[in-house]
Amino acid sequence: MYTIKTLNNISEKGLELFPENKYKVSDACENADAYLVRSYKLNDMTFDEKLLCIARAGAGTNNIPVDRCTENGVVVFNTPGANANAVKELVLAGMFLAARNIIGG
């Protein structure tokens, strides 16, 4: 069984995708196999001894010391484009608001 430590609030819908018979997902895991983060700053953090990977729920990796991870064989990956639908919705909403002068200014 693999242990995954969450260092930020992660959507329950996403966490439910990890089968309980293969993964233990918690914010209180000791010596985790993987970290699941959003914006948590890992730059000054001491990593667990058996850490295999870090997953970033977001586009960038500026909160993860990628060079140090590479030196220690820790795989780092992110989810670019995962928020694309939300960005499109926000842009369209802004266009509609501006076109109809709903919020004057």
PDB file of N, CA and C in Angstrom:
ATOM      1  N   MET A   1       0.843  -1.180   0.000  1.00  0.00           N
ATOM      2  CA  MET A   1       0.000   0.000   0.000  1.00  0.00           C
ATOM      3  C   MET A   1       0.886   1.240   0.000  1.00  0.00           C
ATOM      4  N   TYR A   2       0.531   2.203  -0.855  1.00  0.00           N
ATOM      5  CA  TYR A   2       1.246   3.463  -0.932  1.00  0.00           C
ATOM      6  C   TYR A   2       0.565   4.501  -0.045  1.00  0.00           C
ATOM      7  N   THR A   3       1.375   5.367   0.553  1.00  0.00           N
ATOM      8  CA  THR A   3       0.832   6.443   1.378  1.00  0.00           C
ATOM      9  C   THR A   3       1.046   7.776   0.663  1.00  0.00           C
ATOM     10  N   ILE A   4      -0.008   8.566   0.616  1.00  0.00           N
ATOM     11  CA  ILE A   4       0.026   9.874  -0.035  1.00  0.00           C
ATOM     12  C   ILE A   4      -0.322  10.929   1.002  1.00  0.00           C
ATOM     13  N   LYS A   5       0.585  11.872   1.181  1.00  0.00           N
ATOM     14  CA  LYS A   5       0.366  12.952   2.141  1.00  0.00           C
ATOM     15  C   LYS A   5      -0.138  14.183   1.399  1.00  0.00           C
ATOM     16  N   THR A   6      -1.306  14.679   1.790  1.00  0.00           N
ATOM     17  CA  THR A   6      -1.835  15.911   1.212  1.00  0.00           C
ATOM     18  C   THR A   6      -1.360  17.084   2.064  1.00  0.00           C
ATOM     19  N   LEU A   7      -0.800  18.081   1.412  1.00  0.00           N
ATOM     20  CA  LEU A   7      -0.272  19.239   2.122  1.00  0.00           C
ATOM     21  C   LEU A   7      -1.134  20.482   1.933  1.00  0.00           C
ATOM     22  N   ASN A   8      -2.202  20.366   1.174  1.00  0.00           N
ATOM     23  CA  ASN A   8      -3.208  21.413   0.999  1.00  0.00           C
ATOM     24  C   ASN A   8      -4.568  20.734   0.939  1.00  0.00           C
ATOM     25  N   ASN A   9      -5.626  21.536   0.964  1.00  0.00           N
ATOM     26  CA  ASN A   9      -6.957  20.969   0.756  1.00  0.00           C
ATOM     27  C   ASN A   9      -7.077  20.528  -0.695  1.00  0.00           C
ATOM     28  N   ILE A  10      -7.423  19.278  -0.893  1.00  0.00           N
ATOM     29  CA  ILE A  10      -7.593  18.706  -2.226  1.00  0.00           C
ATOM     30  C   ILE A  10      -9.048  18.263  -2.346  1.00  0.00           C
ATOM     31  N   SER A  11      -9.626  18.453  -3.504  1.00  0.00           N
ATOM     32  CA  SER A  11     -11.021  18.092  -3.739  1.00  0.00           C
ATOM     33  C   SER A  11     -11.288  16.628  -3.390  1.00  0.00           C
ATOM     34  N   GLU A  12     -12.365  16.406  -2.654  1.00  0.00           N
ATOM     35  CA  GLU A  12     -12.756  15.036  -2.296  1.00  0.00           C
ATOM     36  C   GLU A  12     -13.014  14.201  -3.540  1.00  0.00           C
ATOM     37  N   LYS A  13     -13.544  14.821  -4.594  1.00  0.00           N
ATOM     38  CA  LYS A  13     -13.792  14.087  -5.840  1.00  0.00           C
ATOM     39  C   LYS A  13     -12.490  13.527  -6.403  1.00  0.00           C
ATOM     40  N   GLY A  14     -11.439  14.289  -6.303  1.00  0.00           N
ATOM     41  CA  GLY A  14     -10.147  13.819  -6.778  1.00  0.00           C
ATOM     42  C   GLY A  14      -9.572  12.731  -5.896  1.00  0.00           C
ATOM     43  N   LEU A  15      -9.689  12.910  -4.586  1.00  0.00           N
ATOM     44  CA  LEU A  15      -9.138  11.925  -3.651  1.00  0.00           C
ATOM     45  C   LEU A  15      -9.872  10.594  -3.725  1.00  0.00           C
ATOM     46  N   GLU A  16     -11.157  10.627  -4.091  1.00  0.00           N
ATOM     47  CA  GLU A  16     -11.931   9.392  -4.210  1.00  0.00           C
ATOM     48  C   GLU A  16     -11.441   8.505  -5.349  1.00  0.00           C
ATOM     49  N   LEU A  17     -10.634   9.042  -6.249  1.00  0.00           N
ATOM     50  CA  LEU A  17     -10.105   8.262  -7.367  1.00  0.00           C
ATOM     51  C   LEU A  17      -8.998   7.297  -6.945  1.00  0.00           C
ATOM     52  N   PHE A  18      -8.465   7.470  -5.748  1.00  0.00           N
ATOM     53  CA  PHE A  18      -7.439   6.560  -5.242  1.00  0.00           C
ATOM     54  C   PHE A  18      -8.118   5.372  -4.565  1.00  0.00           C
ATOM     55  N   PRO A  19      -7.979   4.153  -5.099  1.00  0.00           N
ATOM     56  CA  PRO A  19      -8.605   2.986  -4.464  1.00  0.00           C
ATOM     57  C   PRO A  19      -8.077   2.788  -3.040  1.00  0.00           C
ATOM     58  N   GLU A  20      -8.989   2.611  -2.099  1.00  0.00           N
ATOM     59  CA  GLU A  20      -8.610   2.491  -0.688  1.00  0.00           C
ATOM     60  C   GLU A  20      -7.780   1.249  -0.398  1.00  0.00           C
ATOM     61  N   ASN A  21      -7.869   0.234  -1.242  1.00  0.00           N
ATOM     62  CA  ASN A  21      -7.087  -0.980  -1.014  1.00  0.00           C
ATOM     63  C   ASN A  21      -5.647  -0.846  -1.507  1.00  0.00           C
ATOM     64  N   LYS A  22      -5.327   0.255  -2.203  1.00  0.00           N
ATOM     65  CA  LYS A  22      -3.972   0.461  -2.717  1.00  0.00           C
ATOM     66  C   LYS A  22      -3.290   1.709  -2.165  1.00  0.00           C
ATOM     67  N   TYR A  23      -4.100   2.685  -1.713  1.00  0.00           N
ATOM     68  CA  TYR A  23      -3.548   3.966  -1.279  1.00  0.00           C
ATOM     69  C   TYR A  23      -4.151   4.405   0.044  1.00  0.00           C
ATOM     70  N   LYS A  24      -3.296   4.951   0.894  1.00  0.00           N
ATOM     71  CA  LYS A  24      -3.756   5.627   2.105  1.00  0.00           C
ATOM     72  C   LYS A  24      -3.474   7.106   1.886  1.00  0.00           C
ATOM     73  N   VAL A  25      -4.524   7.913   1.832  1.00  0.00           N
ATOM     74  CA  VAL A  25      -4.389   9.343   1.576  1.00  0.00           C
ATOM     75  C   VAL A  25      -4.792  10.098   2.832  1.00  0.00           C
ATOM     76  N   SER A  26      -3.871  10.939   3.329  1.00  0.00           N
ATOM     77  CA  SER A  26      -4.133  11.660   4.572  1.00  0.00           C
ATOM     78  C   SER A  26      -3.180  12.841   4.680  1.00  0.00           C
ATOM     79  N   ASP A  27      -3.567  13.819   5.489  1.00  0.00           N
ATOM     80  CA  ASP A  27      -2.650  14.932   5.753  1.00  0.00           C
ATOM     81  C   ASP A  27      -1.735  14.626   6.933  1.00  0.00           C
ATOM     82  N   ALA A  28      -1.912  13.455   7.531  1.00  0.00           N
ATOM     83  CA  ALA A  28      -1.127  13.079   8.711  1.00  0.00           C
ATOM     84  C   ALA A  28      -0.233  11.865   8.467  1.00  0.00           C
ATOM     85  N   CYS A  29       0.040  11.531   7.218  1.00  0.00           N
ATOM     86  CA  CYS A  29       0.891  10.374   6.910  1.00  0.00           C
ATOM     87  C   CYS A  29       2.322  10.623   7.375  1.00  0.00           C
ATOM     88  N   GLU A  30       2.919   9.614   7.934  1.00  0.00           N
ATOM     89  CA  GLU A  30       4.339   9.662   8.289  1.00  0.00           C
ATOM     90  C   GLU A  30       5.124   8.874   7.244  1.00  0.00           C
ATOM     91  N   ASN A  31       6.258   9.406   6.825  1.00  0.00           N
ATOM     92  CA  ASN A  31       7.120   8.762   5.846  1.00  0.00           C
ATOM     93  C   ASN A  31       6.340   8.369   4.591  1.00  0.00           C
ATOM     94  N   ALA A  32       5.742   9.360   3.946  1.00  0.00           N
ATOM     95  CA  ALA A  32       4.880   9.149   2.783  1.00  0.00           C
ATOM     96  C   ALA A  32       5.670   8.769   1.539  1.00  0.00           C
ATOM     97  N   ASP A  33       4.997   8.040   0.652  1.00  0.00           N
ATOM     98  CA  ASP A  33       5.559   7.696  -0.656  1.00  0.00           C
ATOM     99  C   ASP A  33       5.401   8.853  -1.638  1.00  0.00           C
ATOM    100  N   ALA A  34       4.355   9.658  -1.434  1.00  0.00           N
ATOM    101  CA  ALA A  34       4.063  10.758  -2.353  1.00  0.00           C
ATOM    102  C   ALA A  34       3.464  11.934  -1.592  1.00  0.00           C
ATOM    103  N   TYR A  35       3.695  13.129  -2.138  1.00  0.00           N
ATOM    104  CA  TYR A  35       3.053  14.337  -1.633  1.00  0.00           C
ATOM    105  C   TYR A  35       2.096  14.826  -2.713  1.00  0.00           C
ATOM    106  N   LEU A  36       0.950  15.306  -2.277  1.00  0.00           N
ATOM    107  CA  LEU A  36      -0.025  15.920  -3.172  1.00  0.00           C
ATOM    108  C   LEU A  36      -0.236  17.345  -2.682  1.00  0.00           C
ATOM    109  N   VAL A  37       0.158  18.329  -3.504  1.00  0.00           N
ATOM    110  CA  VAL A  37       0.145  19.726  -3.072  1.00  0.00           C
ATOM    111  C   VAL A  37      -0.570  20.617  -4.079  1.00  0.00           C
ATOM    112  N   ARG A  38      -0.939  21.786  -3.605  1.00  0.00           N
ATOM    113  CA  ARG A  38      -1.426  22.855  -4.479  1.00  0.00           C
ATOM    114  C   ARG A  38      -0.415  23.996  -4.399  1.00  0.00           C
ATOM    115  N   SER A  39      -0.468  24.786  -3.336  1.00  0.00           N
ATOM    116  CA  SER A  39       0.423  25.943  -3.221  1.00  0.00           C
ATOM    117  C   SER A  39       1.412  25.827  -2.068  1.00  0.00           C
ATOM    118  N   TYR A  40       1.378  24.730  -1.337  1.00  0.00           N
ATOM    119  CA  TYR A  40       2.255  24.541  -0.181  1.00  0.00           C
ATOM    120  C   TYR A  40       3.712  24.676  -0.617  1.00  0.00           C
ATOM    121  N   LYS A  41       4.478  25.472   0.106  1.00  0.00           N
ATOM    122  CA  LYS A  41       5.881  25.708  -0.252  1.00  0.00           C
ATOM    123  C   LYS A  41       6.769  24.595   0.315  1.00  0.00           C
ATOM    124  N   LEU A  42       7.377  23.844  -0.575  1.00  0.00           N
ATOM    125  CA  LEU A  42       8.226  22.718  -0.192  1.00  0.00           C
ATOM    126  C   LEU A  42       9.712  23.061  -0.219  1.00  0.00           C
ATOM    127  N   ASN A  43      10.059  24.281  -0.597  1.00  0.00           N
ATOM    128  CA  ASN A  43      11.462  24.640  -0.825  1.00  0.00           C
ATOM    129  C   ASN A  43      12.367  24.398   0.375  1.00  0.00           C
ATOM    130  N   ASP A  44      11.906  24.677   1.580  1.00  0.00           N
ATOM    131  CA  ASP A  44      12.743  24.505   2.772  1.00  0.00           C
ATOM    132  C   ASP A  44      12.371  23.266   3.574  1.00  0.00           C
ATOM    133  N   MET A  45      11.504  22.450   3.044  1.00  0.00           N
ATOM    134  CA  MET A  45      11.002  21.279   3.765  1.00  0.00           C
ATOM    135  C   MET A  45      11.968  20.102   3.630  1.00  0.00           C
ATOM    136  N   THR A  46      12.098  19.341   4.712  1.00  0.00           N
ATOM    137  CA  THR A  46      12.855  18.091   4.666  1.00  0.00           C
ATOM    138  C   THR A  46      11.905  16.997   4.206  1.00  0.00           C
ATOM    139  N   PHE A  47      12.279  16.304   3.143  1.00  0.00           N
ATOM    140  CA  PHE A  47      11.402  15.288   2.572  1.00  0.00           C
ATOM    141  C   PHE A  47      11.466  13.983   3.347  1.00  0.00           C
ATOM    142  N   ASP A  48      10.351  13.250   3.313  1.00  0.00           N
ATOM    143  CA  ASP A  48      10.314  11.923   3.912  1.00  0.00           C
ATOM    144  C   ASP A  48      11.315  11.025   3.198  1.00  0.00           C
ATOM    145  N   GLU A  49      11.880  10.084   3.937  1.00  0.00           N
ATOM    146  CA  GLU A  49      12.964   9.240   3.435  1.00  0.00           C
ATOM    147  C   GLU A  49      12.578   8.408   2.214  1.00  0.00           C
ATOM    148  N   LYS A  50      11.366   7.882   2.190  1.00  0.00           N
ATOM    149  CA  LYS A  50      10.993   7.005   1.076  1.00  0.00           C
ATOM    150  C   LYS A  50      10.157   7.706   0.001  1.00  0.00           C
ATOM    151  N   LEU A  51      10.199   9.047  -0.026  1.00  0.00           N
ATOM    152  CA  LEU A  51       9.417   9.822  -0.988  1.00  0.00           C
ATOM    153  C   LEU A  51       9.797   9.455  -2.422  1.00  0.00           C
ATOM    154  N   LEU A  52       8.781   9.133  -3.227  1.00  0.00           N
ATOM    155  CA  LEU A  52       8.987   8.760  -4.623  1.00  0.00           C
ATOM    156  C   LEU A  52       8.589   9.865  -5.595  1.00  0.00           C
ATOM    157  N   CYS A  53       7.529  10.612  -5.248  1.00  0.00           N
ATOM    158  CA  CYS A  53       7.050  11.622  -6.188  1.00  0.00           C
ATOM    159  C   CYS A  53       6.279  12.727  -5.480  1.00  0.00           C
ATOM    160  N   ILE A  54       6.166  13.850  -6.191  1.00  0.00           N
ATOM    161  CA  ILE A  54       5.382  14.991  -5.732  1.00  0.00           C
ATOM    162  C   ILE A  54       4.454  15.379  -6.872  1.00  0.00           C
ATOM    163  N   ALA A  55       3.160  15.419  -6.588  1.00  0.00           N
ATOM    164  CA  ALA A  55       2.166  15.823  -7.581  1.00  0.00           C
ATOM    165  C   ALA A  55       1.653  17.206  -7.220  1.00  0.00           C
ATOM    166  N   ARG A  56       1.708  18.115  -8.168  1.00  0.00           N
ATOM    167  CA  ARG A  56       1.242  19.490  -7.964  1.00  0.00           C
ATOM    168  C   ARG A  56      -0.084  19.651  -8.678  1.00  0.00           C
ATOM    169  N   ALA A  57      -1.141  19.915  -7.931  1.00  0.00           N
ATOM    170  CA  ALA A  57      -2.464  20.164  -8.509  1.00  0.00           C
ATOM    171  C   ALA A  57      -2.501  21.612  -8.977  1.00  0.00           C
ATOM    172  N   GLY A  58      -1.925  21.862 -10.131  1.00  0.00           N
ATOM    173  CA  GLY A  58      -1.823  23.200 -10.688  1.00  0.00           C
ATOM    174  C   GLY A  58      -0.785  23.214 -11.791  1.00  0.00           C
ATOM    175  N   ALA A  59      -0.572  24.377 -12.372  1.00  0.00           N
ATOM    176  CA  ALA A  59       0.281  24.470 -13.550  1.00  0.00           C
ATOM    177  C   ALA A  59       1.769  24.615 -13.229  1.00  0.00           C
ATOM    178  N   GLY A  60       2.127  25.409 -12.252  1.00  0.00           N
ATOM    179  CA  GLY A  60       3.534  25.700 -11.999  1.00  0.00           C
ATOM    180  C   GLY A  60       4.170  24.763 -10.996  1.00  0.00           C
ATOM    181  N   THR A  61       5.484  24.885 -10.875  1.00  0.00           N
ATOM    182  CA  THR A  61       6.222  24.108  -9.873  1.00  0.00           C
ATOM    183  C   THR A  61       7.159  25.008  -9.075  1.00  0.00           C
ATOM    184  N   ASN A  62       6.864  26.319  -9.028  1.00  0.00           N
ATOM    185  CA  ASN A  62       7.758  27.242  -8.328  1.00  0.00           C
ATOM    186  C   ASN A  62       7.765  27.041  -6.818  1.00  0.00           C
ATOM    187  N   ASN A  63       6.828  26.284  -6.276  1.00  0.00           N
ATOM    188  CA  ASN A  63       6.800  25.994  -4.840  1.00  0.00           C
ATOM    189  C   ASN A  63       7.456  24.654  -4.516  1.00  0.00           C
ATOM    190  N   ILE A  64       8.079  24.043  -5.520  1.00  0.00           N
ATOM    191  CA  ILE A  64       8.721  22.735  -5.357  1.00  0.00           C
ATOM    192  C   ILE A  64      10.180  22.855  -5.790  1.00  0.00           C
ATOM    193  N   PRO A  65      11.130  22.396  -4.978  1.00  0.00           N
ATOM    194  CA  PRO A  65      12.545  22.452  -5.366  1.00  0.00           C
ATOM    195  C   PRO A  65      12.875  21.332  -6.365  1.00  0.00           C
ATOM    196  N   VAL A  66      12.558  21.575  -7.629  1.00  0.00           N
ATOM    197  CA  VAL A  66      12.681  20.541  -8.656  1.00  0.00           C
ATOM    198  C   VAL A  66      14.116  20.026  -8.767  1.00  0.00           C
ATOM    199  N   ASP A  67      15.111  20.917  -8.685  1.00  0.00           N
ATOM    200  CA  ASP A  67      16.510  20.481  -8.797  1.00  0.00           C
ATOM    201  C   ASP A  67      16.873  19.499  -7.682  1.00  0.00           C
ATOM    202  N   ARG A  68      16.480  19.825  -6.455  1.00  0.00           N
ATOM    203  CA  ARG A  68      16.768  18.934  -5.322  1.00  0.00           C
ATOM    204  C   ARG A  68      16.035  17.606  -5.485  1.00  0.00           C
ATOM    205  N   CYS A  69      14.802  17.670  -5.962  1.00  0.00           N
ATOM    206  CA  CYS A  69      14.035  16.438  -6.183  1.00  0.00           C
ATOM    207  C   CYS A  69      14.720  15.563  -7.225  1.00  0.00           C
ATOM    208  N   THR A  70      15.179  16.179  -8.310  1.00  0.00           N
ATOM    209  CA  THR A  70      15.862  15.440  -9.373  1.00  0.00           C
ATOM    210  C   THR A  70      17.111  14.757  -8.838  1.00  0.00           C
ATOM    211  N   GLU A  71      17.886  15.470  -8.040  1.00  0.00           N
ATOM    212  CA  GLU A  71      19.101  14.893  -7.456  1.00  0.00           C
ATOM    213  C   GLU A  71      18.800  13.674  -6.594  1.00  0.00           C
ATOM    214  N   ASN A  72      17.633  13.680  -5.937  1.00  0.00           N
ATOM    215  CA  ASN A  72      17.268  12.586  -5.037  1.00  0.00           C
ATOM    216  C   ASN A  72      16.360  11.547  -5.686  1.00  0.00           C
ATOM    217  N   GLY A  73      16.134  11.661  -6.991  1.00  0.00           N
ATOM    218  CA  GLY A  73      15.317  10.680  -7.696  1.00  0.00           C
ATOM    219  C   GLY A  73      13.829  10.795  -7.430  1.00  0.00           C
ATOM    220  N   VAL A  74      13.382  11.964  -6.972  1.00  0.00           N
ATOM    221  CA  VAL A  74      11.959  12.193  -6.699  1.00  0.00           C
ATOM    222  C   VAL A  74      11.330  12.804  -7.953  1.00  0.00           C
ATOM    223  N   VAL A  75      10.333  12.131  -8.499  1.00  0.00           N
ATOM    224  CA  VAL A  75       9.654  12.599  -9.701  1.00  0.00           C
ATOM    225  C   VAL A  75       8.669  13.707  -9.329  1.00  0.00           C
ATOM    226  N   VAL A  76       8.679  14.793 -10.106  1.00  0.00           N
ATOM    227  CA  VAL A  76       7.761  15.915  -9.888  1.00  0.00           C
ATOM    228  C   VAL A  76       6.898  16.067 -11.132  1.00  0.00           C
ATOM    229  N   PHE A  77       5.588  16.142 -10.926  1.00  0.00           N
ATOM    230  CA  PHE A  77       4.708  16.395 -12.062  1.00  0.00           C
ATOM    231  C   PHE A  77       3.577  17.314 -11.643  1.00  0.00           C
ATOM    232  N   ASN A  78       2.982  17.974 -12.639  1.00  0.00           N
ATOM    233  CA  ASN A  78       1.918  18.937 -12.374  1.00  0.00           C
ATOM    234  C   ASN A  78       0.737  18.673 -13.299  1.00  0.00           C
ATOM    235  N   THR A  79      -0.262  19.544 -13.233  1.00  0.00           N
ATOM    236  CA  THR A  79      -1.480  19.358 -14.028  1.00  0.00           C
ATOM    237  C   THR A  79      -1.782  20.617 -14.832  1.00  0.00           C
ATOM    238  N   PRO A  80      -0.941  20.941 -15.819  1.00  0.00           N
ATOM    239  CA  PRO A  80      -1.197  22.147 -16.600  1.00  0.00           C
ATOM    240  C   PRO A  80      -2.505  22.017 -17.375  1.00  0.00           C
ATOM    241  N   GLY A  81      -3.247  23.090 -17.418  1.00  0.00           N
ATOM    242  CA  GLY A  81      -4.500  23.092 -18.163  1.00  0.00           C
ATOM    243  C   GLY A  81      -5.690  22.556 -17.401  1.00  0.00           C
ATOM    244  N   ALA A  82      -5.476  22.075 -16.194  1.00  0.00           N
ATOM    245  CA  ALA A  82      -6.581  21.497 -15.424  1.00  0.00           C
ATOM    246  C   ALA A  82      -7.646  22.533 -15.091  1.00  0.00           C
ATOM    247  N   ASN A  83      -7.264  23.785 -15.024  1.00  0.00           N
ATOM    248  CA  ASN A  83      -8.231  24.834 -14.698  1.00  0.00           C
ATOM    249  C   ASN A  83      -8.711  25.582 -15.939  1.00  0.00           C
ATOM    250  N   ALA A  84      -8.476  25.044 -17.127  1.00  0.00           N
ATOM    251  CA  ALA A  84      -8.815  25.741 -18.371  1.00  0.00           C
ATOM    252  C   ALA A  84     -10.300  26.065 -18.469  1.00  0.00           C
ATOM    253  N   ASN A  85     -11.164  25.146 -18.077  1.00  0.00           N
ATOM    254  CA  ASN A  85     -12.604  25.420 -18.147  1.00  0.00           C
ATOM    255  C   ASN A  85     -12.991  26.574 -17.235  1.00  0.00           C
ATOM    256  N   ALA A  86     -12.434  26.605 -16.037  1.00  0.00           N
ATOM    257  CA  ALA A  86     -12.746  27.689 -15.105  1.00  0.00           C
ATOM    258  C   ALA A  86     -12.268  29.030 -15.659  1.00  0.00           C
ATOM    259  N   VAL A  87     -11.118  29.047 -16.304  1.00  0.00           N
ATOM    260  CA  VAL A  87     -10.602  30.286 -16.887  1.00  0.00           C
ATOM    261  C   VAL A  87     -11.515  30.749 -18.018  1.00  0.00           C
ATOM    262  N   LYS A  88     -11.938  29.816 -18.868  1.00  0.00           N
ATOM    263  CA  LYS A  88     -12.855  30.178 -19.961  1.00  0.00           C
ATOM    264  C   LYS A  88     -14.159  30.751 -19.412  1.00  0.00           C
ATOM    265  N   GLU A  89     -14.698  30.126 -18.377  1.00  0.00           N
ATOM    266  CA  GLU A  89     -15.940  30.612 -17.776  1.00  0.00           C
ATOM    267  C   GLU A  89     -15.771  32.025 -17.224  1.00  0.00           C
ATOM    268  N   LEU A  90     -14.648  32.278 -16.579  1.00  0.00           N
ATOM    269  CA  LEU A  90     -14.390  33.602 -16.014  1.00  0.00           C
ATOM    270  C   LEU A  90     -14.272  34.659 -17.111  1.00  0.00           C
ATOM    271  N   VAL A  91     -13.584  34.327 -18.197  1.00  0.00           N
ATOM    272  CA  VAL A  91     -13.431  35.262 -19.308  1.00  0.00           C
ATOM    273  C   VAL A  91     -14.787  35.572 -19.935  1.00  0.00           C
ATOM    274  N   LEU A  92     -15.583  34.537 -20.180  1.00  0.00           N
ATOM    275  CA  LEU A  92     -16.912  34.761 -20.763  1.00  0.00           C
ATOM    276  C   LEU A  92     -17.792  35.602 -19.842  1.00  0.00           C
ATOM    277  N   ALA A  93     -17.764  35.317 -18.553  1.00  0.00           N
ATOM    278  CA  ALA A  93     -18.554  36.102 -17.600  1.00  0.00           C
ATOM    279  C   ALA A  93     -18.123  37.564 -17.627  1.00  0.00           C
ATOM    280  N   GLY A  94     -16.824  37.809 -17.675  1.00  0.00           N
ATOM    281  CA  GLY A  94     -16.321  39.179 -17.750  1.00  0.00           C
ATOM    282  C   GLY A  94     -16.771  39.887 -19.018  1.00  0.00           C
ATOM    283  N   MET A  95     -16.768  39.161 -20.135  1.00  0.00           N
ATOM    284  CA  MET A  95     -17.217  39.747 -21.399  1.00  0.00           C
ATOM    285  C   MET A  95     -18.702  40.107 -21.348  1.00  0.00           C
ATOM    286  N   PHE A  96     -19.516  39.208 -20.793  1.00  0.00           N
ATOM    287  CA  PHE A  96     -20.951  39.490 -20.674  1.00  0.00           C
ATOM    288  C   PHE A  96     -21.205  40.679 -19.749  1.00  0.00           C
ATOM    289  N   LEU A  97     -20.502  40.727 -18.634  1.00  0.00           N
ATOM    290  CA  LEU A  97     -20.663  41.848 -17.703  1.00  0.00           C
ATOM    291  C   LEU A  97     -20.299  43.172 -18.370  1.00  0.00           C
ATOM    292  N   ALA A  98     -19.202  43.169 -19.112  1.00  0.00           N
ATOM    293  CA  ALA A  98     -18.755  44.391 -19.775  1.00  0.00           C
ATOM    294  C   ALA A  98     -19.701  44.782 -20.911  1.00  0.00           C
ATOM    295  N   ALA A  99     -20.165  43.809 -21.688  1.00  0.00           N
ATOM    296  CA  ALA A  99     -21.027  44.093 -22.836  1.00  0.00           C
ATOM    297  C   ALA A  99     -22.367  44.678 -22.410  1.00  0.00           C
ATOM    298  N   ARG A 100     -22.872  44.264 -21.279  1.00  0.00           N
ATOM    299  CA  ARG A 100     -24.179  44.731 -20.808  1.00  0.00           C
ATOM    300  C   ARG A 100     -24.070  45.815 -19.737  1.00  0.00           C
ATOM    301  N   ASN A 101     -22.859  46.230 -19.434  1.00  0.00           N
ATOM    302  CA  ASN A 101     -22.616  47.246 -18.408  1.00  0.00           C
ATOM    303  C   ASN A 101     -23.357  46.916 -17.110  1.00  0.00           C
ATOM    304  N   ILE A 102     -23.289  45.653 -16.735  1.00  0.00           N
ATOM    305  CA  ILE A 102     -23.973  45.182 -15.527  1.00  0.00           C
ATOM    306  C   ILE A 102     -23.349  45.797 -14.282  1.00  0.00           C
ATOM    307  N   ILE A 103     -22.044  45.895 -14.281  1.00  0.00           N
ATOM    308  CA  ILE A 103     -21.340  46.544 -13.172  1.00  0.00           C
ATOM    309  C   ILE A 103     -20.744  47.822 -13.742  1.00  0.00           C
ATOM    310  N   GLY A 104     -21.377  48.924 -13.454  1.00  0.00           N
ATOM    311  CA  GLY A 104     -20.929  50.202 -14.007  1.00  0.00           C
ATOM    312  C   GLY A 104     -19.570  50.611 -13.475  1.00  0.00           C
ATOM    313  N   GLY A 105     -18.860  51.354 -14.269  1.00  0.00           N
ATOM    314  CA  GLY A 105     -17.566  51.777 -13.776  1.00  0.00           C
ATOM    315  C   GLY A 105     -16.811  52.595 -14.706  1.00  0.00           C
TER     316      GLY A 105
END
